[in-house]
Amino acid sequence: MKELHPKLPVVNVIAVKTEDFITLAQYTCPVYVTSMRGATFVFPANLQMESEDSDAKKWVLAGVCLLMTDD
């Protein structure tokens, strides 16, 4: 807690067909190149939340995003 830039652990990336895509219990997390955000947006990544009852608004209000560099 209170760590602003923790390292992301190894992530299992899976390609899914659009018709099979399910967004239930997932947070659409923005991925940026640098911490300046803005024009450095690359793509949205869907991250699995703890349970189906979890609210993605919690992560949006916290400003959660993934950074590709550690500035």
C-alpha atoms as a PDB file:
ATOM      1  CA  MET A   1       0.000   0.000   0.000  1.00  0.00           C
ATOM      2  CA  LYS A   2       0.974   3.602  -0.595  1.00  0.00           C
ATOM      3  CA  GLU A   3       3.530   2.494  -3.198  1.00  0.00           C
ATOM      4  CA  LEU A   4       3.079   4.739  -6.252  1.00  0.00           C
ATOM      5  CA  HIS A   5       4.892   2.676  -8.884  1.00  0.00           C
ATOM      6  CA  PRO A   6       4.949  -1.022  -7.904  1.00  0.00           C
ATOM      7  CA  LYS A   7       6.375  -3.495 -10.424  1.00  0.00           C
ATOM      8  CA  LEU A   8       3.797  -5.519 -12.353  1.00  0.00           C
ATOM      9  CA  PRO A   9       4.256  -9.264 -11.872  1.00  0.00           C
ATOM     10  CA  VAL A  10       4.484 -11.613 -14.837  1.00  0.00           C
ATOM     11  CA  VAL A  11       1.198 -11.442 -16.753  1.00  0.00           C
ATOM     12  CA  ASN A  12      -0.478 -14.184 -18.778  1.00  0.00           C
ATOM     13  CA  VAL A  13      -1.720 -12.545 -21.997  1.00  0.00           C
ATOM     14  CA  ILE A  14      -4.441 -14.373 -23.911  1.00  0.00           C
ATOM     15  CA  ALA A  15      -5.853 -13.491 -27.338  1.00  0.00           C
ATOM     16  CA  VAL A  16      -9.630 -13.916 -27.556  1.00  0.00           C
ATOM     17  CA  LYS A  17     -11.964 -13.668 -30.538  1.00  0.00           C
ATOM     18  CA  THR A  18     -14.281 -10.666 -30.395  1.00  0.00           C
ATOM     19  CA  GLU A  19     -17.414 -12.802 -30.280  1.00  0.00           C
ATOM     20  CA  ASP A  20     -16.016 -14.765 -27.278  1.00  0.00           C
ATOM     21  CA  PHE A  21     -14.925 -11.646 -25.385  1.00  0.00           C
ATOM     22  CA  ILE A  22     -16.425 -11.350 -21.868  1.00  0.00           C
ATOM     23  CA  THR A  23     -16.005  -8.190 -19.772  1.00  0.00           C
ATOM     24  CA  LEU A  24     -17.723  -9.454 -16.615  1.00  0.00           C
ATOM     25  CA  ALA A  25     -15.510  -8.828 -13.543  1.00  0.00           C
ATOM     26  CA  GLN A  26     -12.823  -7.092 -15.606  1.00  0.00           C
ATOM     27  CA  TYR A  27     -11.356  -3.595 -15.334  1.00  0.00           C
ATOM     28  CA  THR A  28     -10.467  -1.923 -18.633  1.00  0.00           C
ATOM     29  CA  CYS A  29      -7.092  -0.530 -17.624  1.00  0.00           C
ATOM     30  CA  PRO A  30      -5.337   2.060 -19.820  1.00  0.00           C
ATOM     31  CA  VAL A  31      -1.721   1.311 -20.773  1.00  0.00           C
ATOM     32  CA  TYR A  32       0.637   4.274 -21.247  1.00  0.00           C
ATOM     33  CA  VAL A  33       4.227   4.541 -22.432  1.00  0.00           C
ATOM     34  CA  THR A  34       5.253   7.072 -19.757  1.00  0.00           C
ATOM     35  CA  SER A  35       3.860   8.437 -16.513  1.00  0.00           C
ATOM     36  CA  MET A  36       2.968  11.686 -18.313  1.00  0.00           C
ATOM     37  CA  ARG A  37      -0.110   9.814 -19.644  1.00  0.00           C
ATOM     38  CA  GLY A  38      -1.966  12.084 -22.109  1.00  0.00           C
ATOM     39  CA  ALA A  39      -0.829  11.417 -25.675  1.00  0.00           C
ATOM     40  CA  THR A  40       1.237   8.402 -24.631  1.00  0.00           C
ATOM     41  CA  PHE A  41      -1.861   6.127 -24.473  1.00  0.00           C
ATOM     42  CA  VAL A  42      -1.181   2.805 -26.226  1.00  0.00           C
ATOM     43  CA  PHE A  43      -4.099   0.428 -25.666  1.00  0.00           C
ATOM     44  CA  PRO A  44      -6.649  -0.717 -23.072  1.00  0.00           C
ATOM     45  CA  ALA A  45      -5.898  -3.945 -21.193  1.00  0.00           C
ATOM     46  CA  ASN A  46      -8.660  -5.898 -19.469  1.00  0.00           C
ATOM     47  CA  LEU A  47      -7.552  -6.974 -16.010  1.00  0.00           C
ATOM     48  CA  GLN A  48      -9.417  -9.634 -14.046  1.00  0.00           C
ATOM     49  CA  MET A  49     -10.848  -8.316 -10.772  1.00  0.00           C
ATOM     50  CA  GLU A  50     -11.210 -10.263  -7.522  1.00  0.00           C
ATOM     51  CA  SER A  51     -14.814 -11.349  -8.100  1.00  0.00           C
ATOM     52  CA  GLU A  52     -17.897 -10.639 -10.183  1.00  0.00           C
ATOM     53  CA  ASP A  53     -19.161  -8.386  -7.386  1.00  0.00           C
ATOM     54  CA  SER A  54     -16.124  -6.070  -7.621  1.00  0.00           C
ATOM     55  CA  ASP A  55     -16.773  -2.553  -8.875  1.00  0.00           C
ATOM     56  CA  ALA A  56     -14.454  -1.138 -11.564  1.00  0.00           C
ATOM     57  CA  LYS A  57     -15.239   2.410 -10.328  1.00  0.00           C
ATOM     58  CA  LYS A  58     -12.905   1.768  -7.388  1.00  0.00           C
ATOM     59  CA  TRP A  59      -9.957   1.399  -9.784  1.00  0.00           C
ATOM     60  CA  VAL A  60     -11.035   4.341 -11.957  1.00  0.00           C
ATOM     61  CA  LEU A  61     -11.220   6.663  -8.931  1.00  0.00           C
ATOM     62  CA  ALA A  62      -7.787   5.451  -7.795  1.00  0.00           C
ATOM     63  CA  GLY A  63      -6.357   6.341 -11.235  1.00  0.00           C
ATOM     64  CA  VAL A  64      -4.982   2.843 -11.818  1.00  0.00           C
ATOM     65  CA  CYS A  65      -3.098   2.368 -15.090  1.00  0.00           C
ATOM     66  CA  LEU A  66      -0.184   0.355 -16.451  1.00  0.00           C
ATOM     67  CA  LEU A  67       3.064   2.101 -17.424  1.00  0.00           C
ATOM     68  CA  MET A  68       5.478   0.615 -19.966  1.00  0.00           C
ATOM     69  CA  THR A  69       8.486   2.548 -18.614  1.00  0.00           C
ATOM     70  CA  ASP A  70       9.595   3.306 -15.069  1.00  0.00           C
ATOM     71  CA  ASP A  71      10.636   6.949 -15.671  1.00  0.00           C
END
